[in-house]
Amino acid sequence: RRRNKIKQAISIVKALQSNTFLVTSKAKIAQQDQEHKFVY
């Protein structure tokens, strides 16, 4: 379980918007933010 439910919810919203639930390298995370426009 996770104590901070706000951060947990933010994590799933971002994952759903990019359809990315698992990333194995930091480079891919940076690339994902460049290629996908996240909407609050």
Full PDB file with SEQRES, HELIX, SHEET, SSBOND, CRYST1, ORIGX, SCALE, CONECT and MASTER records, all heavy atoms in Angstrom:
SEQRES   1 A   40  ARG ARG ARG ASN LYS ILE LYS GLN ALA ILE SER ILE VAL          
SEQRES   2 A   40  LYS ALA LEU GLN SER ASN THR PHE LEU VAL THR SER LYS          
SEQRES   3 A   40  ALA LYS ILE ALA GLN GLN ASP GLN GLU HIS LYS PHE VAL          
SEQRES   4 A   40  TYR                                                          
HELIX    1 AA1 LYS A    5  SER A   18  1                                  14    
HELIX    2 AA2 LYS A   26  GLU A   35  1                                  10    
CRYST1    1.000    1.000    1.000  90.00  90.00  90.00 P 1           1          
ORIGX1      1.000000  0.000000  0.000000        0.00000                         
ORIGX2      0.000000  1.000000  0.000000        0.00000                         
ORIGX3      0.000000  0.000000  1.000000        0.00000                         
SCALE1      1.000000  0.000000  0.000000        0.00000                         
SCALE2      0.000000  1.000000  0.000000        0.00000                         
SCALE3      0.000000  0.000000  1.000000        0.00000                         
ATOM      1  N   ARG A   1       0.824  -1.203   0.000  1.00  0.00           N  
ATOM      2  CA  ARG A   1       0.000   0.000   0.000  1.00  0.00           C  
ATOM      3  C   ARG A   1       0.861   1.257   0.000  1.00  0.00           C  
ATOM      4  O   ARG A   1       2.067   1.189   0.205  1.00  0.00           O  
ATOM      5  CB  ARG A   1      -0.952  -0.020   1.200  1.00  0.00           C  
ATOM      6  CG  ARG A   1      -0.294  -0.177   2.540  1.00  0.00           C  
ATOM      7  CD  ARG A   1      -1.279  -0.601   3.608  1.00  0.00           C  
ATOM      8  NE  ARG A   1      -2.496   0.199   3.592  1.00  0.00           N  
ATOM      9  CZ  ARG A   1      -3.407   0.201   4.554  1.00  0.00           C  
ATOM     10  NH1 ARG A   1      -3.251  -0.573   5.620  1.00  0.00           N  
ATOM     11  NH2 ARG A   1      -4.481   0.940   4.483  1.00  0.00           N  
ATOM     12  N   ARG A   2       0.207   2.375  -0.221  1.00  0.00           N  
ATOM     13  CA  ARG A   2       0.914   3.650  -0.347  1.00  0.00           C  
ATOM     14  C   ARG A   2       0.193   4.702   0.486  1.00  0.00           C  
ATOM     15  O   ARG A   2      -1.037   4.835   0.401  1.00  0.00           O  
ATOM     16  CB  ARG A   2       0.953   4.067  -1.824  1.00  0.00           C  
ATOM     17  CG  ARG A   2       1.798   5.266  -2.145  1.00  0.00           C  
ATOM     18  CD  ARG A   2       1.987   5.360  -3.661  1.00  0.00           C  
ATOM     19  NE  ARG A   2       2.732   6.552  -4.046  1.00  0.00           N  
ATOM     20  CZ  ARG A   2       3.194   6.787  -5.272  1.00  0.00           C  
ATOM     21  NH1 ARG A   2       2.988   5.880  -6.221  1.00  0.00           N  
ATOM     22  NH2 ARG A   2       3.864   7.892  -5.545  1.00  0.00           N  
ATOM     23  N   ARG A   3       0.930   5.432   1.292  1.00  0.00           N  
ATOM     24  CA  ARG A   3       0.305   6.404   2.194  1.00  0.00           C  
ATOM     25  C   ARG A   3      -0.248   7.611   1.427  1.00  0.00           C  
ATOM     26  O   ARG A   3      -1.359   8.065   1.708  1.00  0.00           O  
ATOM     27  CB  ARG A   3       1.320   6.886   3.238  1.00  0.00           C  
ATOM     28  CG  ARG A   3       1.705   5.835   4.261  1.00  0.00           C  
ATOM     29  CD  ARG A   3       2.530   6.442   5.389  1.00  0.00           C  
ATOM     30  NE  ARG A   3       2.901   5.429   6.367  1.00  0.00           N  
ATOM     31  CZ  ARG A   3       4.029   4.728   6.331  1.00  0.00           C  
ATOM     32  NH1 ARG A   3       4.898   4.950   5.341  1.00  0.00           N  
ATOM     33  NH2 ARG A   3       4.289   3.813   7.237  1.00  0.00           N  
ATOM     34  N   ASN A   4       0.534   8.150   0.520  1.00  0.00           N  
ATOM     35  CA  ASN A   4       0.130   9.389  -0.143  1.00  0.00           C  
ATOM     36  C   ASN A   4      -0.748   9.064  -1.351  1.00  0.00           C  
ATOM     37  O   ASN A   4      -0.270   8.770  -2.442  1.00  0.00           O  
ATOM     38  CB  ASN A   4       1.358  10.184  -0.580  1.00  0.00           C  
ATOM     39  CG  ASN A   4       1.001  11.626  -0.910  1.00  0.00           C  
ATOM     40  OD1 ASN A   4       0.021  11.889  -1.599  1.00  0.00           O  
ATOM     41  ND2 ASN A   4       1.793  12.565  -0.418  1.00  0.00           N  
ATOM     42  N   LYS A   5      -2.059   9.113  -1.127  1.00  0.00           N  
ATOM     43  CA  LYS A   5      -3.005   8.752  -2.167  1.00  0.00           C  
ATOM     44  C   LYS A   5      -3.093   9.809  -3.266  1.00  0.00           C  
ATOM     45  O   LYS A   5      -3.506   9.497  -4.399  1.00  0.00           O  
ATOM     46  CB  LYS A   5      -4.386   8.501  -1.557  1.00  0.00           C  
ATOM     47  CG  LYS A   5      -4.475   7.185  -0.794  1.00  0.00           C  
ATOM     48  CD  LYS A   5      -4.408   6.011  -1.747  1.00  0.00           C  
ATOM     49  CE  LYS A   5      -4.460   4.662  -1.063  1.00  0.00           C  
ATOM     50  NZ  LYS A   5      -3.210   4.317  -0.384  1.00  0.00           N  
ATOM     51  N   ILE A   6      -2.738  11.040  -2.975  1.00  0.00           N  
ATOM     52  CA  ILE A   6      -2.739  12.060  -4.020  1.00  0.00           C  
ATOM     53  C   ILE A   6      -1.654  11.727  -5.042  1.00  0.00           C  
ATOM     54  O   ILE A   6      -1.900  11.710  -6.254  1.00  0.00           O  
ATOM     55  CB  ILE A   6      -2.506  13.465  -3.434  1.00  0.00           C  
ATOM     56  CG1 ILE A   6      -3.522  13.780  -2.344  1.00  0.00           C  
ATOM     57  CG2 ILE A   6      -2.573  14.518  -4.546  1.00  0.00           C  
ATOM     58  CD1 ILE A   6      -3.270  15.088  -1.618  1.00  0.00           C  
ATOM     59  N   LYS A   7      -0.454  11.422  -4.571  1.00  0.00           N  
ATOM     60  CA  LYS A   7       0.631  11.064  -5.483  1.00  0.00           C  
ATOM     61  C   LYS A   7       0.341   9.753  -6.213  1.00  0.00           C  
ATOM     62  O   LYS A   7       0.690   9.598  -7.391  1.00  0.00           O  
ATOM     63  CB  LYS A   7       1.956  10.971  -4.716  1.00  0.00           C  
ATOM     64  CG  LYS A   7       2.472  12.320  -4.235  1.00  0.00           C  
ATOM     65  CD  LYS A   7       3.852  12.203  -3.600  1.00  0.00           C  
ATOM     66  CE  LYS A   7       4.382  13.581  -3.216  1.00  0.00           C  
ATOM     67  NZ  LYS A   7       5.746  13.502  -2.630  1.00  0.00           N  
ATOM     68  N   GLN A   8      -0.286   8.831  -5.528  1.00  0.00           N  
ATOM     69  CA  GLN A   8      -0.646   7.566  -6.164  1.00  0.00           C  
ATOM     70  C   GLN A   8      -1.646   7.803  -7.293  1.00  0.00           C  
ATOM     71  O   GLN A   8      -1.533   7.217  -8.382  1.00  0.00           O  
ATOM     72  CB  GLN A   8      -1.231   6.608  -5.134  1.00  0.00           C  
ATOM     73  CG  GLN A   8      -1.494   5.203  -5.668  1.00  0.00           C  
ATOM     74  CD  GLN A   8      -2.014   4.260  -4.593  1.00  0.00           C  
ATOM     75  OE1 GLN A   8      -2.156   4.648  -3.422  1.00  0.00           O  
ATOM     76  NE2 GLN A   8      -2.301   3.025  -4.969  1.00  0.00           N  
ATOM     77  N   ALA A   9      -2.628   8.672  -7.044  1.00  0.00           N  
ATOM     78  CA  ALA A   9      -3.626   8.982  -8.067  1.00  0.00           C  
ATOM     79  C   ALA A   9      -2.993   9.716  -9.244  1.00  0.00           C  
ATOM     80  O   ALA A   9      -3.317   9.438 -10.407  1.00  0.00           O  
ATOM     81  CB  ALA A   9      -4.746   9.823  -7.454  1.00  0.00           C  
ATOM     82  N   ILE A  10      -2.104  10.635  -8.966  1.00  0.00           N  
ATOM     83  CA  ILE A  10      -1.408  11.345 -10.033  1.00  0.00           C  
ATOM     84  C   ILE A  10      -0.623  10.360 -10.895  1.00  0.00           C  
ATOM     85  O   ILE A  10      -0.609  10.456 -12.133  1.00  0.00           O  
ATOM     86  CB  ILE A  10      -0.474  12.424  -9.448  1.00  0.00           C  
ATOM     87  CG1 ILE A  10      -1.298  13.593  -8.903  1.00  0.00           C  
ATOM     88  CG2 ILE A  10       0.539  12.924 -10.497  1.00  0.00           C  
ATOM     89  CD1 ILE A  10      -0.500  14.600  -8.091  1.00  0.00           C  
ATOM     90  N   SER A  11      -0.006   9.398 -10.267  1.00  0.00           N  
ATOM     91  CA  SER A  11       0.778   8.403 -10.991  1.00  0.00           C  
ATOM     92  C   SER A  11      -0.077   7.619 -11.972  1.00  0.00           C  
ATOM     93  O   SER A  11       0.312   7.404 -13.132  1.00  0.00           O  
ATOM     94  CB  SER A  11       1.451   7.451 -10.002  1.00  0.00           C  
ATOM     95  OG  SER A  11       2.211   6.470 -10.678  1.00  0.00           O  
ATOM     96  N   ILE A  12      -1.270   7.187 -11.556  1.00  0.00           N  
ATOM     97  CA  ILE A  12      -2.115   6.405 -12.461  1.00  0.00           C  
ATOM     98  C   ILE A  12      -2.682   7.280 -13.568  1.00  0.00           C  
ATOM     99  O   ILE A  12      -2.817   6.834 -14.721  1.00  0.00           O  
ATOM    100  CB  ILE A  12      -3.257   5.685 -11.697  1.00  0.00           C  
ATOM    101  CG1 ILE A  12      -3.952   4.647 -12.594  1.00  0.00           C  
ATOM    102  CG2 ILE A  12      -4.282   6.669 -11.165  1.00  0.00           C  
ATOM    103  CD1 ILE A  12      -3.122   3.489 -12.986  1.00  0.00           C  
ATOM    104  N   VAL A  13      -3.005   8.542 -13.271  1.00  0.00           N  
ATOM    105  CA  VAL A  13      -3.541   9.434 -14.306  1.00  0.00           C  
ATOM    106  C   VAL A  13      -2.488   9.657 -15.394  1.00  0.00           C  
ATOM    107  O   VAL A  13      -2.783   9.597 -16.595  1.00  0.00           O  
ATOM    108  CB  VAL A  13      -4.007  10.771 -13.696  1.00  0.00           C  
ATOM    109  CG1 VAL A  13      -4.334  11.782 -14.790  1.00  0.00           C  
ATOM    110  CG2 VAL A  13      -5.229  10.549 -12.810  1.00  0.00           C  
ATOM    111  N   LYS A  14      -1.249   9.884 -15.001  1.00  0.00           N  
ATOM    112  CA  LYS A  14      -0.174  10.042 -15.988  1.00  0.00           C  
ATOM    113  C   LYS A  14       0.029   8.763 -16.794  1.00  0.00           C  
ATOM    114  O   LYS A  14       0.216   8.790 -18.011  1.00  0.00           O  
ATOM    115  CB  LYS A  14       1.133  10.424 -15.293  1.00  0.00           C  
ATOM    116  CG  LYS A  14       1.278  11.898 -14.952  1.00  0.00           C  
ATOM    117  CD  LYS A  14       2.696  12.213 -14.496  1.00  0.00           C  
ATOM    118  CE  LYS A  14       3.702  12.009 -15.605  1.00  0.00           C  
ATOM    119  NZ  LYS A  14       5.099  12.143 -15.139  1.00  0.00           N  
ATOM    120  N   ALA A  15       0.012   7.626 -16.105  1.00  0.00           N  
ATOM    121  CA  ALA A  15       0.211   6.348 -16.791  1.00  0.00           C  
ATOM    122  C   ALA A  15      -0.891   6.094 -17.813  1.00  0.00           C  
ATOM    123  O   ALA A  15      -0.631   5.617 -18.925  1.00  0.00           O  
ATOM    124  CB  ALA A  15       0.271   5.215 -15.769  1.00  0.00           C  
ATOM    125  N   LEU A  16      -2.131   6.434 -17.449  1.00  0.00           N  
ATOM    126  CA  LEU A  16      -3.251   6.231 -18.368  1.00  0.00           C  
ATOM    127  C   LEU A  16      -3.161   7.169 -19.568  1.00  0.00           C  
ATOM    128  O   LEU A  16      -3.472   6.781 -20.699  1.00  0.00           O  
ATOM    129  CB  LEU A  16      -4.575   6.443 -17.631  1.00  0.00           C  
ATOM    130  CG  LEU A  16      -4.954   5.353 -16.619  1.00  0.00           C  
ATOM    131  CD1 LEU A  16      -6.115   5.821 -15.748  1.00  0.00           C  
ATOM    132  CD2 LEU A  16      -5.311   4.049 -17.333  1.00  0.00           C  
ATOM    133  N   GLN A  17      -2.732   8.396 -19.330  1.00  0.00           N  
ATOM    134  CA  GLN A  17      -2.633   9.354 -20.432  1.00  0.00           C  
ATOM    135  C   GLN A  17      -1.567   8.957 -21.446  1.00  0.00           C  
ATOM    136  O   GLN A  17      -1.723   9.185 -22.650  1.00  0.00           O  
ATOM    137  CB  GLN A  17      -2.358  10.760 -19.889  1.00  0.00           C  
ATOM    138  CG  GLN A  17      -3.555  11.391 -19.213  1.00  0.00           C  
ATOM    139  CD  GLN A  17      -3.323  12.855 -18.861  1.00  0.00           C  
ATOM    140  OE1 GLN A  17      -2.364  13.483 -19.319  1.00  0.00           O  
ATOM    141  NE2 GLN A  17      -4.224  13.410 -18.051  1.00  0.00           N  
ATOM    142  N   SER A  18      -0.483   8.356 -20.987  1.00  0.00           N  
ATOM    143  CA  SER A  18       0.609   7.967 -21.885  1.00  0.00           C  
ATOM    144  C   SER A  18       0.579   6.490 -22.248  1.00  0.00           C  
ATOM    145  O   SER A  18       1.382   6.038 -23.065  1.00  0.00           O  
ATOM    146  CB  SER A  18       1.956   8.290 -21.237  1.00  0.00           C  
ATOM    147  OG  SER A  18       2.118   7.536 -20.040  1.00  0.00           O  
ATOM    148  N   ASN A  19      -0.355   5.748 -21.598  1.00  0.00           N  
ATOM    149  CA  ASN A  19      -0.418   4.297 -21.776  1.00  0.00           C  
ATOM    150  C   ASN A  19       0.929   3.647 -21.472  1.00  0.00           C  
ATOM    151  O   ASN A  19       1.360   2.698 -22.147  1.00  0.00           O  
ATOM    152  CB  ASN A  19      -0.887   3.931 -23.186  1.00  0.00           C  
ATOM    153  CG  ASN A  19      -1.317   2.474 -23.287  1.00  0.00           C  
ATOM    154  OD1 ASN A  19      -1.820   1.894 -22.320  1.00  0.00           O  
ATOM    155  ND2 ASN A  19      -1.116   1.870 -24.442  1.00  0.00           N  
ATOM    156  N   THR A  20       1.600   4.146 -20.437  1.00  0.00           N  
ATOM    157  CA  THR A  20       2.904   3.627 -20.026  1.00  0.00           C  
ATOM    158  C   THR A  20       2.854   3.343 -18.532  1.00  0.00           C  
ATOM    159  O   THR A  20       2.748   4.260 -17.723  1.00  0.00           O  
ATOM    160  CB  THR A  20       4.024   4.645 -20.316  1.00  0.00           C  
ATOM    161  OG1 THR A  20       3.999   4.976 -21.707  1.00  0.00           O  
ATOM    162  CG2 THR A  20       5.383   4.061 -19.954  1.00  0.00           C  
ATOM    163  N   PHE A  21       2.936   2.056 -18.175  1.00  0.00           N  
ATOM    164  CA  PHE A  21       2.804   1.656 -16.782  1.00  0.00           C  
ATOM    165  C   PHE A  21       4.108   1.110 -16.206  1.00  0.00           C  
ATOM    166  O   PHE A  21       4.214   0.899 -15.008  1.00  0.00           O  
ATOM    167  CB  PHE A  21       1.693   0.609 -16.642  1.00  0.00           C  
ATOM    168  CG  PHE A  21       0.345   1.147 -17.025  1.00  0.00           C  
ATOM    169  CD1 PHE A  21      -0.091   1.105 -18.343  1.00  0.00           C  
ATOM    170  CD2 PHE A  21      -0.477   1.723 -16.073  1.00  0.00           C  
ATOM    171  CE1 PHE A  21      -1.326   1.617 -18.694  1.00  0.00           C  
ATOM    172  CE2 PHE A  21      -1.720   2.233 -16.420  1.00  0.00           C  
ATOM    173  CZ  PHE A  21      -2.141   2.183 -17.731  1.00  0.00           C  
ATOM    174  N   LEU A  22       5.082   0.885 -17.064  1.00  0.00           N  
ATOM    175  CA  LEU A  22       6.363   0.352 -16.611  1.00  0.00           C  
ATOM    176  C   LEU A  22       7.459   0.879 -17.522  1.00  0.00           C  
ATOM    177  O   LEU A  22       7.364   0.771 -18.752  1.00  0.00           O  
ATOM    178  CB  LEU A  22       6.355  -1.179 -16.646  1.00  0.00           C  
ATOM    179  CG  LEU A  22       7.676  -1.887 -16.312  1.00  0.00           C  
ATOM    180  CD1 LEU A  22       8.063  -1.619 -14.858  1.00  0.00           C  
ATOM    181  CD2 LEU A  22       7.564  -3.380 -16.580  1.00  0.00           C  
ATOM    182  N   VAL A  23       8.482   1.467 -16.917  1.00  0.00           N  
ATOM    183  CA  VAL A  23       9.623   1.981 -17.665  1.00  0.00           C  
ATOM    184  C   VAL A  23      10.891   1.424 -17.035  1.00  0.00           C  
ATOM    185  O   VAL A  23      11.030   1.419 -15.812  1.00  0.00           O  
ATOM    186  CB  VAL A  23       9.658   3.528 -17.661  1.00  0.00           C  
ATOM    187  CG1 VAL A  23      10.872   4.037 -18.424  1.00  0.00           C  
ATOM    188  CG2 VAL A  23       8.391   4.092 -18.280  1.00  0.00           C  
ATOM    189  N   THR A  24      11.803   0.951 -17.868  1.00  0.00           N  
ATOM    190  CA  THR A  24      13.000   0.289 -17.349  1.00  0.00           C  
ATOM    191  C   THR A  24      14.253   1.154 -17.389  1.00  0.00           C  
ATOM    192  O   THR A  24      15.307   0.729 -16.925  1.00  0.00           O  
ATOM    193  CB  THR A  24      13.277  -1.008 -18.133  1.00  0.00           C  
ATOM    194  OG1 THR A  24      13.401  -0.688 -19.532  1.00  0.00           O  
ATOM    195  CG2 THR A  24      12.134  -1.995 -17.950  1.00  0.00           C  
ATOM    196  N   SER A  25      14.156   2.372 -17.927  1.00  0.00           N  
ATOM    197  CA  SER A  25      15.343   3.242 -17.943  1.00  0.00           C  
ATOM    198  C   SER A  25      14.926   4.691 -17.754  1.00  0.00           C  
ATOM    199  O   SER A  25      13.848   5.111 -18.171  1.00  0.00           O  
ATOM    200  CB  SER A  25      16.122   3.093 -19.258  1.00  0.00           C  
ATOM    201  OG  SER A  25      15.445   3.734 -20.315  1.00  0.00           O  
ATOM    202  N   LYS A  26      15.792   5.476 -17.127  1.00  0.00           N  
ATOM    203  CA  LYS A  26      15.518   6.895 -16.906  1.00  0.00           C  
ATOM    204  C   LYS A  26      15.451   7.651 -18.228  1.00  0.00           C  
ATOM    205  O   LYS A  26      14.721   8.637 -18.362  1.00  0.00           O  
ATOM    206  CB  LYS A  26      16.583   7.492 -15.987  1.00  0.00           C  
ATOM    207  CG  LYS A  26      16.527   6.954 -14.568  1.00  0.00           C  
ATOM    208  CD  LYS A  26      17.585   7.597 -13.684  1.00  0.00           C  
ATOM    209  CE  LYS A  26      17.488   7.042 -12.248  1.00  0.00           C  
ATOM    210  NZ  LYS A  26      18.522   7.632 -11.360  1.00  0.00           N  
ATOM    211  N   ALA A  27      16.215   7.192 -19.216  1.00  0.00           N  
ATOM    212  CA  ALA A  27      16.201   7.850 -20.524  1.00  0.00           C  
ATOM    213  C   ALA A  27      14.822   7.769 -21.151  1.00  0.00           C  
ATOM    214  O   ALA A  27      14.333   8.722 -21.767  1.00  0.00           O  
ATOM    215  CB  ALA A  27      17.241   7.217 -21.440  1.00  0.00           C  
ATOM    216  N   LYS A  28      14.153   6.622 -20.990  1.00  0.00           N  
ATOM    217  CA  LYS A  28      12.821   6.459 -21.562  1.00  0.00           C  
ATOM    218  C   LYS A  28      11.796   7.341 -20.852  1.00  0.00           C  
ATOM    219  O   LYS A  28      10.836   7.798 -21.460  1.00  0.00           O  
ATOM    220  CB  LYS A  28      12.405   4.994 -21.495  1.00  0.00           C  
ATOM    221  CG  LYS A  28      13.154   4.107 -22.479  1.00  0.00           C  
ATOM    222  CD  LYS A  28      12.634   2.677 -22.453  1.00  0.00           C  
ATOM    223  CE  LYS A  28      13.364   1.819 -23.473  1.00  0.00           C  
ATOM    224  NZ  LYS A  28      12.887   0.411 -23.471  1.00  0.00           N  
ATOM    225  N   ILE A  29      12.002   7.579 -19.551  1.00  0.00           N  
ATOM    226  CA  ILE A  29      11.094   8.470 -18.822  1.00  0.00           C  
ATOM    227  C   ILE A  29      11.209   9.887 -19.358  1.00  0.00           C  
ATOM    228  O   ILE A  29      10.215  10.576 -19.596  1.00  0.00           O  
ATOM    229  CB  ILE A  29      11.398   8.430 -17.316  1.00  0.00           C  
ATOM    230  CG1 ILE A  29      11.105   7.037 -16.749  1.00  0.00           C  
ATOM    231  CG2 ILE A  29      10.574   9.477 -16.567  1.00  0.00           C  
ATOM    232  CD1 ILE A  29      11.499   6.865 -15.304  1.00  0.00           C  
ATOM    233  N   ALA A  30      12.453  10.339 -19.571  1.00  0.00           N  
ATOM    234  CA  ALA A  30      12.675  11.676 -20.124  1.00  0.00           C  
ATOM    235  C   ALA A  30      12.083  11.789 -21.528  1.00  0.00           C  
ATOM    236  O   ALA A  30      11.456  12.791 -21.882  1.00  0.00           O  
ATOM    237  CB  ALA A  30      14.173  11.979 -20.148  1.00  0.00           C  
ATOM    238  N   GLN A  31      12.257  10.749 -22.328  1.00  0.00           N  
ATOM    239  CA  GLN A  31      11.715  10.739 -23.684  1.00  0.00           C  
ATOM    240  C   GLN A  31      10.186  10.782 -23.652  1.00  0.00           C  
ATOM    241  O   GLN A  31       9.561  11.484 -24.455  1.00  0.00           O  
ATOM    242  CB  GLN A  31      12.180   9.482 -24.417  1.00  0.00           C  
ATOM    243  CG  GLN A  31      11.681   9.382 -25.852  1.00  0.00           C  
ATOM    244  CD  GLN A  31      12.120   8.087 -26.519  1.00  0.00           C  
ATOM    245  OE1 GLN A  31      12.721   7.224 -25.898  1.00  0.00           O  
ATOM    246  NE2 GLN A  31      11.816   7.952 -27.796  1.00  0.00           N  
ATOM    247  N   GLN A  32       9.599  10.066 -22.723  1.00  0.00           N  
ATOM    248  CA  GLN A  32       8.145  10.036 -22.609  1.00  0.00           C  
ATOM    249  C   GLN A  32       7.597  11.428 -22.334  1.00  0.00           C  
ATOM    250  O   GLN A  32       6.590  11.838 -22.922  1.00  0.00           O  
ATOM    251  CB  GLN A  32       7.757   9.095 -21.476  1.00  0.00           C  
ATOM    252  CG  GLN A  32       6.290   9.102 -21.106  1.00  0.00           C  
ATOM    253  CD  GLN A  32       6.018   8.268 -19.866  1.00  0.00           C  
ATOM    254  OE1 GLN A  32       6.196   7.068 -19.876  1.00  0.00           O  
ATOM    255  NE2 GLN A  32       5.609   8.935 -18.804  1.00  0.00           N  
ATOM    256  N   ASP A  33       8.240  12.186 -21.446  1.00  0.00           N  
ATOM    257  CA  ASP A  33       7.767  13.533 -21.129  1.00  0.00           C  
ATOM    258  C   ASP A  33       7.921  14.477 -22.316  1.00  0.00           C  
ATOM    259  O   ASP A  33       7.140  15.415 -22.485  1.00  0.00           O  
ATOM    260  CB  ASP A  33       8.524  14.083 -19.916  1.00  0.00           C  
ATOM    261  CG  ASP A  33       7.720  13.923 -18.637  1.00  0.00           C  
ATOM    262  OD1 ASP A  33       6.887  12.992 -18.597  1.00  0.00           O  
ATOM    263  OD2 ASP A  33       7.915  14.699 -17.693  1.00  0.00           O  
ATOM    264  N   GLN A  34       8.930  14.238 -23.137  1.00  0.00           N  
ATOM    265  CA  GLN A  34       9.126  15.085 -24.314  1.00  0.00           C  
ATOM    266  C   GLN A  34       8.094  14.790 -25.392  1.00  0.00           C  
ATOM    267  O   GLN A  34       7.624  15.690 -26.083  1.00  0.00           O  
ATOM    268  CB  GLN A  34      10.542  14.863 -24.884  1.00  0.00           C  
ATOM    269  CG  GLN A  34      11.653  15.370 -23.978  1.00  0.00           C  
ATOM    270  CD  GLN A  34      13.026  14.966 -24.491  1.00  0.00           C  
ATOM    271  OE1 GLN A  34      13.158  14.295 -25.505  1.00  0.00           O  
ATOM    272  NE2 GLN A  34      14.064  15.380 -23.780  1.00  0.00           N  
ATOM    273  N   GLU A  35       7.706  13.508 -25.509  1.00  0.00           N  
ATOM    274  CA  GLU A  35       6.834  13.101 -26.601  1.00  0.00           C  
ATOM    275  C   GLU A  35       5.350  13.201 -26.268  1.00  0.00           C  
ATOM    276  O   GLU A  35       4.522  13.275 -27.170  1.00  0.00           O  
ATOM    277  CB  GLU A  35       7.163  11.656 -27.001  1.00  0.00           C  
ATOM    278  CG  GLU A  35       8.559  11.502 -27.602  1.00  0.00           C  
ATOM    279  CD  GLU A  35       8.869  10.060 -27.946  1.00  0.00           C  
ATOM    280  OE1 GLU A  35       8.072   9.177 -27.561  1.00  0.00           O  
ATOM    281  OE2 GLU A  35       9.900   9.814 -28.597  1.00  0.00           O  
ATOM    282  N   HIS A  36       5.016  13.197 -24.969  1.00  0.00           N  
ATOM    283  CA  HIS A  36       3.605  13.184 -24.599  1.00  0.00           C  
ATOM    284  C   HIS A  36       3.261  14.428 -23.795  1.00  0.00           C  
ATOM    285  O   HIS A  36       3.950  14.778 -22.842  1.00  0.00           O  
ATOM    286  CB  HIS A  36       3.276  11.936 -23.773  1.00  0.00           C  
ATOM    287  CG  HIS A  36       1.817  11.790 -23.508  1.00  0.00           C  
ATOM    288  ND1 HIS A  36       0.958  11.164 -24.380  1.00  0.00           N  
ATOM    289  CD2 HIS A  36       1.046  12.230 -22.482  1.00  0.00           C  
ATOM    290  CE1 HIS A  36      -0.261  11.207 -23.901  1.00  0.00           C  
ATOM    291  NE2 HIS A  36      -0.238  11.851 -22.744  1.00  0.00           N  
ATOM    292  N   LYS A  37       2.185  15.084 -24.177  1.00  0.00           N  
ATOM    293  CA  LYS A  37       1.713  16.258 -23.450  1.00  0.00           C  
ATOM    294  C   LYS A  37       0.707  15.820 -22.397  1.00  0.00           C  
ATOM    295  O   LYS A  37      -0.420  15.445 -22.711  1.00  0.00           O  
ATOM    296  CB  LYS A  37       1.077  17.260 -24.412  1.00  0.00           C  
ATOM    297  CG  LYS A  37       0.655  18.554 -23.711  1.00  0.00           C  
ATOM    298  CD  LYS A  37       0.077  19.549 -24.702  1.00  0.00           C  
ATOM    299  CE  LYS A  37      -0.332  20.840 -23.984  1.00  0.00           C  
ATOM    300  NZ  LYS A  37      -0.919  21.825 -24.921  1.00  0.00           N  
ATOM    301  N   PHE A  38       1.122  15.869 -21.135  1.00  0.00           N  
ATOM    302  CA  PHE A  38       0.230  15.484 -20.045  1.00  0.00           C  
ATOM    303  C   PHE A  38      -0.716  16.636 -19.702  1.00  0.00           C  
ATOM    304  O   PHE A  38      -0.329  17.806 -19.749  1.00  0.00           O  
ATOM    305  CB  PHE A  38       1.050  15.105 -18.807  1.00  0.00           C  
ATOM    306  CG  PHE A  38       1.827  13.822 -18.975  1.00  0.00           C  
ATOM    307  CD1 PHE A  38       3.191  13.850 -19.212  1.00  0.00           C  
ATOM    308  CD2 PHE A  38       1.182  12.598 -18.908  1.00  0.00           C  
ATOM    309  CE1 PHE A  38       3.906  12.681 -19.376  1.00  0.00           C  
ATOM    310  CE2 PHE A  38       1.896  11.421 -19.066  1.00  0.00           C  
ATOM    311  CZ  PHE A  38       3.259  11.453 -19.306  1.00  0.00           C  
ATOM    312  N   VAL A  39      -1.944  16.286 -19.378  1.00  0.00           N  
ATOM    313  CA  VAL A  39      -2.976  17.280 -19.080  1.00  0.00           C  
ATOM    314  C   VAL A  39      -3.455  17.071 -17.648  1.00  0.00           C  
ATOM    315  O   VAL A  39      -3.944  15.987 -17.300  1.00  0.00           O  
ATOM    316  CB  VAL A  39      -4.155  17.166 -20.060  1.00  0.00           C  
ATOM    317  CG1 VAL A  39      -5.233  18.183 -19.698  1.00  0.00           C  
ATOM    318  CG2 VAL A  39      -3.680  17.347 -21.493  1.00  0.00           C  
ATOM    319  N   TYR A  40      -3.311  18.087 -16.826  1.00  0.00           N  
ATOM    320  CA  TYR A  40      -3.764  18.020 -15.434  1.00  0.00           C  
ATOM    321  C   TYR A  40      -5.276  17.805 -15.398  1.00  0.00           C  
ATOM    322  O   TYR A  40      -6.041  18.516 -16.048  1.00  0.00           O  
ATOM    323  CB  TYR A  40      -3.404  19.309 -14.712  1.00  0.00           C  
ATOM    324  CG  TYR A  40      -3.857  19.374 -13.279  1.00  0.00           C  
ATOM    325  CD1 TYR A  40      -3.146  18.716 -12.276  1.00  0.00           C  
ATOM    326  CD2 TYR A  40      -4.989  20.100 -12.918  1.00  0.00           C  
ATOM    327  CE1 TYR A  40      -3.551  18.777 -10.957  1.00  0.00           C  
ATOM    328  CE2 TYR A  40      -5.404  20.171 -11.592  1.00  0.00           C  
ATOM    329  CZ  TYR A  40      -4.683  19.508 -10.621  1.00  0.00           C  
ATOM    330  OH  TYR A  40      -5.086  19.572  -9.312  1.00  0.00           O  
TER     331      TYR A  40                                                      
MASTER        0    0    0    2    0    0    0    6  330    1    0    4          
END                                                                             
